[in-house]
Amino acid sequence: MKIHYRSAALGAAAFVVAACLLGFAYAVLGIYDIGADATHASLTRAMIAYVRDRSVAVRSRAIVVPPLSDPARIADGASDYDAMCTSCHLAPGMEDNEMRPGLYPKPPRLAAFPAAPPAQQFWIIKHGIKMSGMAA
């Protein structure tokens, strides 16, 4: 059987052009609900979570974690967390506030969330997460 590279290349190019046109039409027609109160499809959620987790894991590899048991460092971090993080992630024992129900994706309650490796936590806090509301 003879392989027709030219036909295969033209078919691939036609597929790419069609996919781009469909994507453009999808955007122009406003089909996707971008509202924060509309959840993602499960496949979209899974893809976003995978890309986020892999991106953070790769970018945090070179971070050297300092000693985390220093009382002064703990007090400084707790003060920063209280000032900048509790409105979204809450403090231990804190109930939901008026803002959290409207956030999507909903920020995890960090006191009840399994801790990520410290280097990854640092990277996320320093750089934030695009399209999640997590500021740098």
Protein backbone atom coordinates (compact mmCIF):
# COMPACT_ATOMS: atom_id res chain seq x y z
CA MET A 1 0.00 0.00 0.00
CA LYS A 2 1.44 3.32 -1.07
CA ILE A 3 1.36 6.14 1.48
CA HIS A 4 0.20 9.46 0.12
CA TYR A 5 2.04 12.02 2.24
CA ARG A 6 0.61 14.96 0.33
CA SER A 7 -2.96 13.79 0.95
CA ALA A 8 -2.19 13.16 4.62
CA ALA A 9 -0.65 16.63 5.00
CA LEU A 10 -3.61 18.28 3.26
CA GLY A 11 -6.03 16.33 5.44
CA ALA A 12 -4.18 17.36 8.60
CA ALA A 13 -4.09 20.99 7.47
CA ALA A 14 -7.82 20.91 6.68
CA PHE A 15 -8.51 19.45 10.13
CA VAL A 16 -6.47 22.20 11.84
CA VAL A 17 -8.21 24.93 9.83
CA ALA A 18 -11.65 23.46 10.61
CA ALA A 19 -10.81 23.19 14.33
CA CYS A 20 -9.64 26.83 14.37
CA LEU A 21 -12.80 27.99 12.61
CA LEU A 22 -14.99 26.03 15.03
CA GLY A 23 -13.08 27.47 17.99
CA PHE A 24 -13.46 30.98 16.57
CA ALA A 25 -17.20 30.46 16.03
CA TYR A 26 -17.54 29.06 19.56
CA ALA A 27 -15.92 32.23 20.96
CA VAL A 28 -17.72 34.73 18.70
CA LEU A 29 -21.15 33.22 19.33
CA GLY A 30 -20.63 33.38 23.10
CA ILE A 31 -21.57 29.73 23.56
CA TYR A 32 -19.30 29.21 26.58
CA ASP A 33 -20.77 30.55 29.84
CA ILE A 34 -17.88 32.42 31.46
CA GLY A 35 -19.94 33.35 34.54
CA ALA A 36 -18.37 32.52 37.90
CA ASP A 37 -21.62 30.87 38.99
CA ALA A 38 -21.55 28.36 36.10
CA THR A 39 -19.41 25.30 36.80
CA HIS A 40 -16.99 23.77 34.32
CA ALA A 41 -17.69 20.46 32.63
CA SER A 42 -16.00 17.57 34.44
CA LEU A 43 -13.48 17.07 31.61
CA THR A 44 -12.58 20.78 31.70
CA ARG A 45 -12.18 20.66 35.50
CA ALA A 46 -9.96 17.59 35.26
CA MET A 47 -7.77 19.16 32.56
CA ILE A 48 -7.39 22.43 34.50
CA ALA A 49 -6.48 20.53 37.69
CA TYR A 50 -3.93 18.38 35.87
CA VAL A 51 -2.28 21.34 34.13
CA ARG A 52 -2.25 23.36 37.38
CA ASP A 53 -0.75 20.51 39.44
CA ARG A 54 1.92 19.68 36.85
CA SER A 55 2.83 23.34 36.32
CA VAL A 56 3.28 23.98 40.05
CA ALA A 57 5.20 20.72 40.57
CA VAL A 58 7.66 21.48 37.76
CA ARG A 59 8.19 25.15 38.67
CA SER A 60 8.64 24.52 42.39
CA ARG A 61 11.36 21.85 42.05
CA ALA A 62 14.28 24.26 42.51
CA ILE A 63 12.87 25.99 45.61
CA VAL A 64 14.92 25.39 48.75
CA VAL A 65 12.60 25.27 51.74
CA PRO A 66 13.94 27.03 54.84
CA PRO A 67 13.41 25.60 58.34
CA LEU A 68 9.68 25.86 59.02
CA SER A 69 9.73 25.32 62.78
CA ASP A 70 11.17 28.75 63.67
CA PRO A 71 8.61 30.46 66.00
CA ALA A 72 9.34 33.92 64.55
CA ARG A 73 8.77 32.62 61.00
CA ILE A 74 5.51 30.94 62.11
CA ALA A 75 4.25 34.13 63.78
CA ASP A 76 5.13 36.22 60.71
CA GLY A 77 3.39 33.75 58.39
CA ALA A 78 0.31 33.60 60.63
CA SER A 79 0.09 37.39 60.63
CA ASP A 80 0.37 37.50 56.82
CA TYR A 81 -2.23 34.73 56.47
CA ASP A 82 -4.64 36.58 58.76
CA ALA A 83 -4.22 39.81 56.81
CA MET A 84 -4.27 38.46 53.24
CA CYS A 85 -5.73 34.96 53.10
CA THR A 86 -8.58 34.42 55.58
CA SER A 87 -11.20 36.22 53.50
CA CYS A 88 -10.96 33.45 50.87
CA HIS A 89 -9.37 30.46 52.63
CA LEU A 90 -10.76 31.13 56.13
CA ALA A 91 -9.02 30.50 59.44
CA PRO A 92 -9.39 27.33 61.50
CA GLY A 93 -12.92 27.25 62.93
CA MET A 94 -14.04 30.26 60.86
CA GLU A 95 -17.43 30.01 59.13
CA ASP A 96 -18.09 30.96 55.50
CA ASN A 97 -18.30 34.69 54.87
CA GLU A 98 -20.51 36.50 52.37
CA MET A 99 -17.90 36.41 49.61
CA ARG A 100 -16.97 32.71 49.45
CA PRO A 101 -20.24 31.34 48.02
CA GLY A 102 -19.75 33.52 44.91
CA LEU A 103 -16.20 32.38 44.20
CA TYR A 104 -15.55 29.82 41.47
CA PRO A 105 -13.54 27.82 41.80
CA LYS A 106 -14.18 27.88 45.53
CA PRO A 107 -10.91 28.37 47.43
CA PRO A 108 -10.04 25.41 49.65
CA ARG A 109 -10.32 25.75 53.42
CA LEU A 110 -6.61 25.40 53.96
CA ALA A 111 -6.95 24.34 57.61
CA ALA A 112 -8.88 21.25 56.45
CA PHE A 113 -7.04 20.72 53.16
CA PRO A 114 -4.21 18.19 52.80
CA ALA A 115 -1.03 20.23 52.70
CA ALA A 116 0.96 20.33 49.50
CA PRO A 117 4.74 20.13 49.74
CA PRO A 118 6.11 23.41 51.19
CA ALA A 119 7.97 24.33 47.99
CA GLN A 120 4.73 24.05 46.00
CA GLN A 121 2.83 26.07 48.60
CA PHE A 122 5.46 28.80 48.42
CA TRP A 123 5.37 28.86 44.61
CA ILE A 124 1.57 29.19 44.56
CA ILE A 125 1.60 32.00 47.13
CA LYS A 126 4.38 33.86 45.32
CA HIS A 127 3.00 33.49 41.78
CA GLY A 128 -0.76 32.91 42.22
CA ILE A 129 -2.90 30.80 39.90
CA LYS A 130 -4.34 32.25 36.68
CA MET A 131 -8.13 32.34 36.29
CA SER A 132 -8.73 31.15 39.85
CA GLY A 133 -8.76 34.39 41.80
CA MET A 134 -5.55 33.34 43.61
CA ALA A 135 -3.45 36.48 43.49
CA ALA A 136 0.34 36.47 43.49
